[in-house]
Amino acid sequence: MKHLKNTKRPLILTIDGKADAVVQDAGANQRLLDIAARADASEGIRQALEDVRKGRVRPAREALAKFRRSRAIPR
């Protein structure tokens, strides 16, 4: 744990010379999770913009009306 806290770098554990596990401090793990969450959000935005560019969109009122009809939800 001292090594992890001092170096701020992950420790790679090996078995027979091959990487088998990585140990890292909680802060580093949280930073990786935060980066992954931002990447997921960015990809979602990219896909949405592509849908708009390719015309794969419809007005919200139209989509909601279709949803209500398909579920027999009264207005």
N, C-alpha and C. Protein backbone atom coordinates (compact mmCIF):
# COMPACT_ATOMS: atom_id res chain seq x y z
N MET A 1 0.82 -1.18 0.00
CA MET A 1 0.00 0.00 0.00
C MET A 1 0.87 1.26 0.00
N LYS A 2 1.99 1.21 0.72
CA LYS A 2 2.88 2.37 0.72
C LYS A 2 3.37 2.67 -0.69
N HIS A 3 3.73 1.61 -1.41
CA HIS A 3 4.21 1.78 -2.79
C HIS A 3 3.13 2.45 -3.65
N LEU A 4 1.90 1.98 -3.53
CA LEU A 4 0.81 2.56 -4.32
C LEU A 4 0.60 4.03 -3.98
N LYS A 5 0.60 4.35 -2.70
CA LYS A 5 0.39 5.74 -2.28
C LYS A 5 1.56 6.64 -2.67
N ASN A 6 2.77 6.12 -2.59
CA ASN A 6 3.95 6.93 -2.91
C ASN A 6 4.10 7.18 -4.40
N THR A 7 3.88 6.16 -5.20
CA THR A 7 4.13 6.28 -6.64
C THR A 7 2.90 6.73 -7.41
N LYS A 8 1.71 6.52 -6.85
CA LYS A 8 0.45 6.81 -7.56
C LYS A 8 0.33 6.00 -8.85
N ARG A 9 1.06 4.91 -8.93
CA ARG A 9 1.04 4.05 -10.11
C ARG A 9 0.50 2.68 -9.72
N PRO A 10 -0.18 2.01 -10.63
CA PRO A 10 -0.70 0.67 -10.33
C PRO A 10 0.43 -0.35 -10.20
N LEU A 11 0.16 -1.41 -9.50
CA LEU A 11 1.11 -2.50 -9.32
C LEU A 11 0.58 -3.69 -10.11
N ILE A 12 1.38 -4.23 -11.00
CA ILE A 12 0.96 -5.36 -11.83
C ILE A 12 1.48 -6.64 -11.19
N LEU A 13 0.57 -7.54 -10.88
CA LEU A 13 0.93 -8.83 -10.28
C LEU A 13 1.00 -9.87 -11.39
N THR A 14 2.03 -10.68 -11.33
CA THR A 14 2.23 -11.67 -12.39
C THR A 14 2.21 -13.09 -11.83
N ILE A 15 1.88 -14.01 -12.70
CA ILE A 15 1.99 -15.44 -12.42
C ILE A 15 2.74 -16.03 -13.60
N ASP A 16 3.83 -16.70 -13.31
CA ASP A 16 4.69 -17.27 -14.35
C ASP A 16 5.11 -16.22 -15.37
N GLY A 17 5.37 -15.00 -14.90
CA GLY A 17 5.85 -13.94 -15.77
C GLY A 17 4.80 -13.26 -16.61
N LYS A 18 3.54 -13.63 -16.44
CA LYS A 18 2.46 -13.02 -17.22
C LYS A 18 1.57 -12.19 -16.30
N ALA A 19 1.18 -11.00 -16.76
CA ALA A 19 0.31 -10.14 -15.97
C ALA A 19 -0.99 -10.88 -15.67
N ASP A 20 -1.36 -10.87 -14.38
CA ASP A 20 -2.56 -11.59 -13.98
C ASP A 20 -3.55 -10.68 -13.27
N ALA A 21 -3.05 -9.64 -12.60
CA ALA A 21 -3.93 -8.72 -11.89
C ALA A 21 -3.24 -7.37 -11.74
N VAL A 22 -4.06 -6.34 -11.58
CA VAL A 22 -3.54 -4.99 -11.37
C VAL A 22 -4.15 -4.47 -10.07
N VAL A 23 -3.30 -3.93 -9.22
CA VAL A 23 -3.74 -3.34 -7.96
C VAL A 23 -3.47 -1.84 -8.05
N GLN A 24 -4.47 -1.05 -7.71
CA GLN A 24 -4.28 0.40 -7.73
C GLN A 24 -5.02 1.02 -6.55
N ASP A 25 -4.64 2.23 -6.20
CA ASP A 25 -5.30 2.87 -5.07
C ASP A 25 -6.71 3.31 -5.47
N ALA A 26 -7.54 3.57 -4.47
CA ALA A 26 -8.94 3.90 -4.72
C ALA A 26 -9.09 5.17 -5.55
N GLY A 27 -8.23 6.16 -5.32
CA GLY A 27 -8.31 7.41 -6.09
C GLY A 27 -8.08 7.20 -7.56
N ALA A 28 -7.07 6.37 -7.89
CA ALA A 28 -6.78 6.07 -9.29
C ALA A 28 -7.94 5.33 -9.94
N ASN A 29 -8.53 4.41 -9.20
CA ASN A 29 -9.67 3.67 -9.72
C ASN A 29 -10.83 4.62 -10.00
N GLN A 30 -11.10 5.55 -9.09
CA GLN A 30 -12.20 6.49 -9.29
C GLN A 30 -11.93 7.38 -10.50
N ARG A 31 -10.68 7.80 -10.68
CA ARG A 31 -10.35 8.62 -11.86
C ARG A 31 -10.62 7.85 -13.15
N LEU A 32 -10.27 6.57 -13.19
CA LEU A 32 -10.55 5.75 -14.38
C LEU A 32 -12.05 5.62 -14.61
N LEU A 33 -12.81 5.43 -13.54
CA LEU A 33 -14.26 5.34 -13.69
C LEU A 33 -14.85 6.65 -14.21
N ASP A 34 -14.33 7.77 -13.73
CA ASP A 34 -14.81 9.08 -14.20
C ASP A 34 -14.49 9.28 -15.68
N ILE A 35 -13.29 8.89 -16.09
CA ILE A 35 -12.90 9.01 -17.51
C ILE A 35 -13.82 8.15 -18.37
N ALA A 36 -14.09 6.92 -17.92
CA ALA A 36 -14.97 6.02 -18.69
C ALA A 36 -16.37 6.60 -18.80
N ALA A 37 -16.87 7.19 -17.72
CA ALA A 37 -18.22 7.78 -17.75
C ALA A 37 -18.29 8.93 -18.74
N ARG A 38 -17.26 9.77 -18.76
CA ARG A 38 -17.24 10.89 -19.71
C ARG A 38 -17.16 10.37 -21.14
N ALA A 39 -16.38 9.31 -21.35
CA ALA A 39 -16.25 8.74 -22.69
C ALA A 39 -17.60 8.18 -23.16
N ASP A 40 -18.33 7.52 -22.25
CA ASP A 40 -19.65 6.98 -22.60
C ASP A 40 -20.60 8.11 -22.98
N ALA A 41 -20.57 9.20 -22.22
CA ALA A 41 -21.44 10.33 -22.51
C ALA A 41 -21.08 10.95 -23.85
N SER A 42 -19.79 11.09 -24.11
CA SER A 42 -19.33 11.66 -25.38
C SER A 42 -19.77 10.80 -26.56
N GLU A 43 -19.68 9.49 -26.40
CA GLU A 43 -20.10 8.59 -27.48
C GLU A 43 -21.60 8.69 -27.71
N GLY A 44 -22.38 8.81 -26.65
CA GLY A 44 -23.83 8.97 -26.80
C GLY A 44 -24.17 10.25 -27.55
N ILE A 45 -23.48 11.32 -27.24
CA ILE A 45 -23.70 12.59 -27.94
C ILE A 45 -23.30 12.47 -29.40
N ARG A 46 -22.17 11.81 -29.66
CA ARG A 46 -21.72 11.62 -31.05
C ARG A 46 -22.75 10.85 -31.85
N GLN A 47 -23.30 9.79 -31.26
CA GLN A 47 -24.31 8.99 -31.96
C GLN A 47 -25.58 9.81 -32.21
N ALA A 48 -25.98 10.60 -31.23
CA ALA A 48 -27.18 11.43 -31.40
C ALA A 48 -26.98 12.44 -32.52
N LEU A 49 -25.82 13.07 -32.57
CA LEU A 49 -25.55 14.03 -33.64
C LEU A 49 -25.54 13.36 -35.01
N GLU A 50 -25.04 12.13 -35.06
CA GLU A 50 -25.06 11.38 -36.32
C GLU A 50 -26.50 11.08 -36.73
N ASP A 51 -27.35 10.71 -35.77
CA ASP A 51 -28.76 10.47 -36.07
C ASP A 51 -29.42 11.72 -36.64
N VAL A 52 -29.13 12.86 -36.06
CA VAL A 52 -29.70 14.12 -36.56
C VAL A 52 -29.21 14.37 -37.98
N ARG A 53 -27.91 14.21 -38.19
CA ARG A 53 -27.33 14.46 -39.51
C ARG A 53 -27.94 13.55 -40.58
N LYS A 54 -28.25 12.30 -40.21
CA LYS A 54 -28.80 11.34 -41.17
C LYS A 54 -30.33 11.35 -41.20
N GLY A 55 -30.93 12.27 -40.45
CA GLY A 55 -32.38 12.39 -40.49
C GLY A 55 -33.13 11.31 -39.73
N ARG A 56 -32.47 10.63 -38.82
CA ARG A 56 -33.12 9.56 -38.05
C ARG A 56 -33.71 10.13 -36.76
N VAL A 57 -34.51 11.17 -36.92
CA VAL A 57 -35.14 11.83 -35.78
C VAL A 57 -36.59 12.12 -36.11
N ARG A 58 -37.39 12.39 -35.07
CA ARG A 58 -38.77 12.81 -35.28
C ARG A 58 -39.13 13.75 -34.14
N PRO A 59 -40.10 14.59 -34.35
CA PRO A 59 -40.50 15.51 -33.28
C PRO A 59 -40.98 14.74 -32.05
N ALA A 60 -40.70 15.28 -30.87
CA ALA A 60 -41.07 14.62 -29.62
C ALA A 60 -42.58 14.37 -29.54
N ARG A 61 -43.39 15.34 -29.98
CA ARG A 61 -44.85 15.15 -29.92
C ARG A 61 -45.27 13.94 -30.75
N GLU A 62 -44.67 13.78 -31.91
CA GLU A 62 -44.99 12.64 -32.77
C GLU A 62 -44.57 11.33 -32.10
N ALA A 63 -43.37 11.29 -31.55
CA ALA A 63 -42.88 10.07 -30.90
C ALA A 63 -43.74 9.71 -29.70
N LEU A 64 -44.11 10.71 -28.90
CA LEU A 64 -44.94 10.45 -27.72
C LEU A 64 -46.34 10.00 -28.12
N ALA A 65 -46.89 10.59 -29.16
CA ALA A 65 -48.22 10.17 -29.62
C ALA A 65 -48.18 8.71 -30.09
N LYS A 66 -47.15 8.34 -30.82
CA LYS A 66 -47.01 6.96 -31.28
C LYS A 66 -46.87 6.01 -30.08
N PHE A 67 -46.09 6.42 -29.08
CA PHE A 67 -45.91 5.61 -27.89
C PHE A 67 -47.25 5.42 -27.17
N ARG A 68 -48.01 6.50 -27.00
CA ARG A 68 -49.32 6.41 -26.33
C ARG A 68 -50.25 5.46 -27.08
N ARG A 69 -50.27 5.59 -28.41
CA ARG A 69 -51.13 4.70 -29.23
C ARG A 69 -50.71 3.24 -29.05
N SER A 70 -49.42 2.98 -29.07
CA SER A 70 -48.93 1.59 -28.99
C SER A 70 -49.20 0.96 -27.64
N ARG A 71 -49.38 1.78 -26.60
CA ARG A 71 -49.63 1.27 -25.25
C ARG A 71 -51.07 1.51 -24.80
N ALA A 72 -51.88 2.00 -25.72
CA ALA A 72 -53.29 2.31 -25.43
C ALA A 72 -53.44 3.22 -24.23
N ILE A 73 -52.62 4.24 -24.17
CA ILE A 73 -52.68 5.21 -23.08
C ILE A 73 -53.58 6.37 -23.53
N PRO A 74 -54.65 6.62 -22.78
CA PRO A 74 -55.54 7.72 -23.20
C PRO A 74 -54.84 9.08 -23.03
N ARG A 75 -55.26 10.01 -23.83
CA ARG A 75 -54.70 11.36 -23.76
C ARG A 75 -55.15 12.12 -22.58
